[in-house]
Amino acid sequence: MEQTAVTGENPVPQDRADGADGAAALPRTWYAARSRLLTRIVGTVILAGLTVLAVALPEDGGWNFGSRAGVVLTGVFGLCFMLMLGRPKVVATRDGVTVVNLLRVHHLEWAQIVRVSLRQGDPWVILDLSDGETLAAMGIQTSNGRAKAVAAAKELRDLVEEFGGIEPTRG
């Protein structure tokens, strides 16, 4: 599966054309590379720092094995929290779009997406859905630069226009 960071440094190669219309090959994945890297680094530093602290704590101060394990466990929770913050991505396949946000995963068929927008001041792409709801697609966000996010949003918008209203193939 092709993964593209929303950094603009991975342009769609010409050899990825699917058909005569020049559409990008699917599946296609977008994520905020800098945010993902930063959350992984910070999470690892939290875990490493608390592990070193647990080892360095004096035993005569009431820091028994259970207390030290609690400090390390706090570091594990910190790492898990940071990994959750770096989780968002958007995956486009022939069957539809999967939006992975912090806690939830949404599977959408192309026909469910009415509009893809990234307005001035929005931190990430917003999908307007056919049922009147909106869905934040946090995998395409402006944290790596607005121009790069706009380009990724345009690519997703083009795919929605190309595949929208087409029943997904099953099988």
Protein backbone atom coordinates (compact mmCIF):
# COMPACT_ATOMS: atom_id res chain seq x y z
CA MET A 1 0.00 0.00 0.00
CA GLU A 2 1.38 3.38 -1.01
CA GLN A 3 1.73 5.74 1.94
CA THR A 4 2.21 9.42 1.36
CA ALA A 5 3.11 11.80 4.10
CA VAL A 6 1.29 15.09 3.92
CA THR A 7 4.57 16.83 3.42
CA GLY A 8 4.42 17.41 -0.32
CA GLU A 9 7.82 15.78 -0.68
CA ASN A 10 6.32 12.65 -2.22
CA PRO A 11 4.69 13.76 -5.46
CA VAL A 12 2.58 11.26 -7.34
CA PRO A 13 4.91 9.58 -9.84
CA GLN A 14 3.81 9.45 -13.46
CA ASP A 15 4.13 5.65 -13.48
CA ARG A 16 1.32 5.40 -10.93
CA ALA A 17 -1.31 6.33 -13.46
CA ASP A 18 -4.14 3.83 -13.30
CA GLY A 19 -5.77 4.51 -16.59
CA ALA A 20 -5.89 6.87 -19.51
CA ASP A 21 -7.38 9.62 -17.33
CA GLY A 22 -4.17 9.80 -15.28
CA ALA A 23 -5.83 9.12 -11.93
CA ALA A 24 -3.57 8.18 -9.06
CA ALA A 25 -3.25 4.47 -8.32
CA LEU A 26 -5.11 3.19 -5.32
CA PRO A 27 -4.79 2.44 -2.45
CA ARG A 28 -3.49 5.84 -1.36
CA THR A 29 -2.65 6.86 2.21
CA TRP A 30 -2.09 10.32 3.64
CA TYR A 31 -0.76 11.12 7.10
CA ALA A 32 1.02 13.99 8.82
CA ALA A 33 4.63 12.81 8.79
CA ARG A 34 6.11 15.45 11.08
CA SER A 35 3.39 15.05 13.68
CA ARG A 36 3.71 11.28 13.57
CA LEU A 37 7.50 11.46 13.96
CA LEU A 38 7.30 14.02 16.76
CA THR A 39 4.74 12.04 18.76
CA ARG A 40 6.84 8.87 18.46
CA ILE A 41 9.99 10.66 19.59
CA VAL A 42 8.27 12.39 22.53
CA GLY A 43 6.57 9.14 23.59
CA THR A 44 9.87 7.28 23.52
CA VAL A 45 11.56 10.03 25.54
CA ILE A 46 8.76 9.91 28.13
CA LEU A 47 9.10 6.13 28.50
CA ALA A 48 12.90 6.20 28.59
CA GLY A 49 12.99 9.08 31.08
CA LEU A 50 10.55 7.47 33.47
CA THR A 51 12.34 4.12 33.19
CA VAL A 52 15.66 5.76 34.07
CA LEU A 53 13.95 7.57 36.94
CA ALA A 54 12.46 4.30 38.25
CA VAL A 55 15.90 2.68 38.25
CA ALA A 56 17.56 5.69 39.88
CA LEU A 57 15.03 6.14 42.72
CA PRO A 58 16.50 5.39 46.16
CA GLU A 59 15.25 2.28 47.93
CA ASP A 60 15.48 3.91 51.36
CA GLY A 61 12.85 6.49 50.36
CA GLY A 62 10.05 3.94 50.20
CA TRP A 63 10.50 3.21 46.50
CA ASN A 64 9.92 -0.54 46.40
CA PHE A 65 9.46 -2.67 43.28
CA GLY A 66 5.75 -1.82 43.01
CA SER A 67 6.41 1.91 43.13
CA ARG A 68 9.10 1.66 40.49
CA ALA A 69 6.86 -0.48 38.29
CA GLY A 70 4.18 2.21 38.66
CA VAL A 71 6.61 4.86 37.39
CA VAL A 72 7.50 2.69 34.37
CA LEU A 73 3.82 1.96 33.75
CA THR A 74 3.18 5.71 33.70
CA GLY A 75 5.83 5.95 30.98
CA VAL A 76 4.11 3.18 29.01
CA PHE A 77 0.81 5.09 29.24
CA GLY A 78 2.62 8.25 28.09
CA LEU A 79 4.04 6.41 25.09
CA CYS A 80 0.62 4.96 24.22
CA PHE A 81 -0.98 8.39 24.47
CA MET A 82 1.62 9.92 22.16
CA LEU A 83 1.24 7.06 19.66
CA MET A 84 -2.51 7.69 19.68
CA LEU A 85 -1.89 11.36 18.84
CA GLY A 86 0.21 10.30 15.84
CA ARG A 87 -2.35 7.75 14.61
CA PRO A 88 -4.54 9.80 12.20
CA LYS A 89 -4.44 8.90 8.53
CA VAL A 90 -6.72 8.79 5.51
CA VAL A 91 -6.69 5.74 3.23
CA ALA A 92 -8.40 5.80 -0.17
CA THR A 93 -9.15 2.49 -1.93
CA ARG A 94 -11.43 1.57 -4.81
CA ASP A 95 -14.14 0.67 -2.27
CA GLY A 96 -14.01 4.00 -0.43
CA VAL A 97 -12.17 6.00 2.17
CA THR A 98 -11.05 4.94 5.63
CA VAL A 99 -10.54 7.83 8.04
CA VAL A 100 -8.47 6.94 11.11
CA ASN A 101 -8.75 9.64 13.77
CA LEU A 102 -7.53 9.60 17.36
CA LEU A 103 -10.01 7.09 18.77
CA ARG A 104 -12.29 6.03 15.93
CA VAL A 105 -11.99 4.52 12.48
CA HIS A 106 -14.64 5.46 9.90
CA HIS A 107 -15.15 3.46 6.70
CA LEU A 108 -16.92 5.50 4.02
CA GLU A 109 -18.05 4.54 0.55
CA TRP A 110 -17.21 7.10 -2.11
CA ALA A 111 -20.87 7.99 -2.58
CA GLN A 112 -21.13 9.00 1.09
CA ILE A 113 -18.65 11.87 0.62
CA VAL A 114 -20.31 14.99 -0.74
CA ARG A 115 -17.46 17.47 -0.38
CA VAL A 116 -13.84 17.68 0.77
CA SER A 117 -12.90 21.03 2.26
CA LEU A 118 -9.95 22.69 3.93
CA ARG A 119 -10.99 26.22 4.75
CA GLN A 120 -8.70 28.97 5.99
CA GLY A 121 -8.01 28.37 9.68
CA ASP A 122 -9.08 24.71 9.67
CA PRO A 123 -6.43 22.44 11.21
CA TRP A 124 -7.43 19.47 9.02
CA VAL A 125 -9.67 18.40 6.15
CA ILE A 126 -13.42 18.24 6.76
CA LEU A 127 -15.56 15.75 4.85
CA ASP A 128 -19.21 16.64 4.27
CA LEU A 129 -21.21 13.43 4.18
CA SER A 130 -24.43 12.55 2.38
CA ASP A 131 -26.32 12.14 5.67
CA GLY A 132 -25.72 15.80 6.55
CA GLU A 133 -22.94 15.08 9.03
CA THR A 134 -19.34 16.24 8.81
CA LEU A 135 -16.24 14.22 9.61
CA ALA A 136 -12.79 15.54 10.44
CA ALA A 137 -10.13 13.75 8.42
CA MET A 138 -7.23 14.43 10.78
CA GLY A 139 -4.75 12.54 8.60
CA ILE A 140 -4.58 15.50 6.22
CA GLN A 141 -3.64 18.41 8.43
CA THR A 142 -1.94 21.77 8.12
CA SER A 143 0.69 21.06 10.79
CA ASN A 144 3.22 20.25 8.06
CA GLY A 145 2.41 23.31 6.00
CA ARG A 146 -0.82 24.64 4.55
CA ALA A 147 0.24 24.31 0.89
CA LYS A 148 1.05 20.62 1.34
CA ALA A 149 -2.27 19.97 3.08
CA VAL A 150 -4.14 21.83 0.33
CA ALA A 151 -2.44 19.66 -2.32
CA ALA A 152 -3.39 16.48 -0.44
CA ALA A 153 -6.97 17.71 0.01
CA LYS A 154 -7.18 18.47 -3.71
CA GLU A 155 -5.97 14.98 -4.54
CA LEU A 156 -8.62 13.47 -2.26
CA ARG A 157 -11.25 15.80 -3.75
CA ASP A 158 -10.29 14.64 -7.25
CA LEU A 159 -10.66 11.01 -6.18
CA VAL A 160 -14.09 11.77 -4.66
CA GLU A 161 -15.16 13.37 -7.94
CA GLU A 162 -13.83 10.39 -9.90
CA PHE A 163 -15.31 7.63 -7.74
CA GLY A 164 -18.27 9.37 -6.10
CA GLY A 165 -21.65 7.80 -6.78
CA ILE A 166 -20.10 4.57 -8.00
CA GLU A 167 -21.16 1.49 -6.09
CA PRO A 168 -18.07 -0.27 -4.73
CA THR A 169 -17.25 -3.64 -6.22
CA ARG A 170 -17.57 -6.56 -3.85
CA GLY A 171 -15.56 -9.68 -4.27
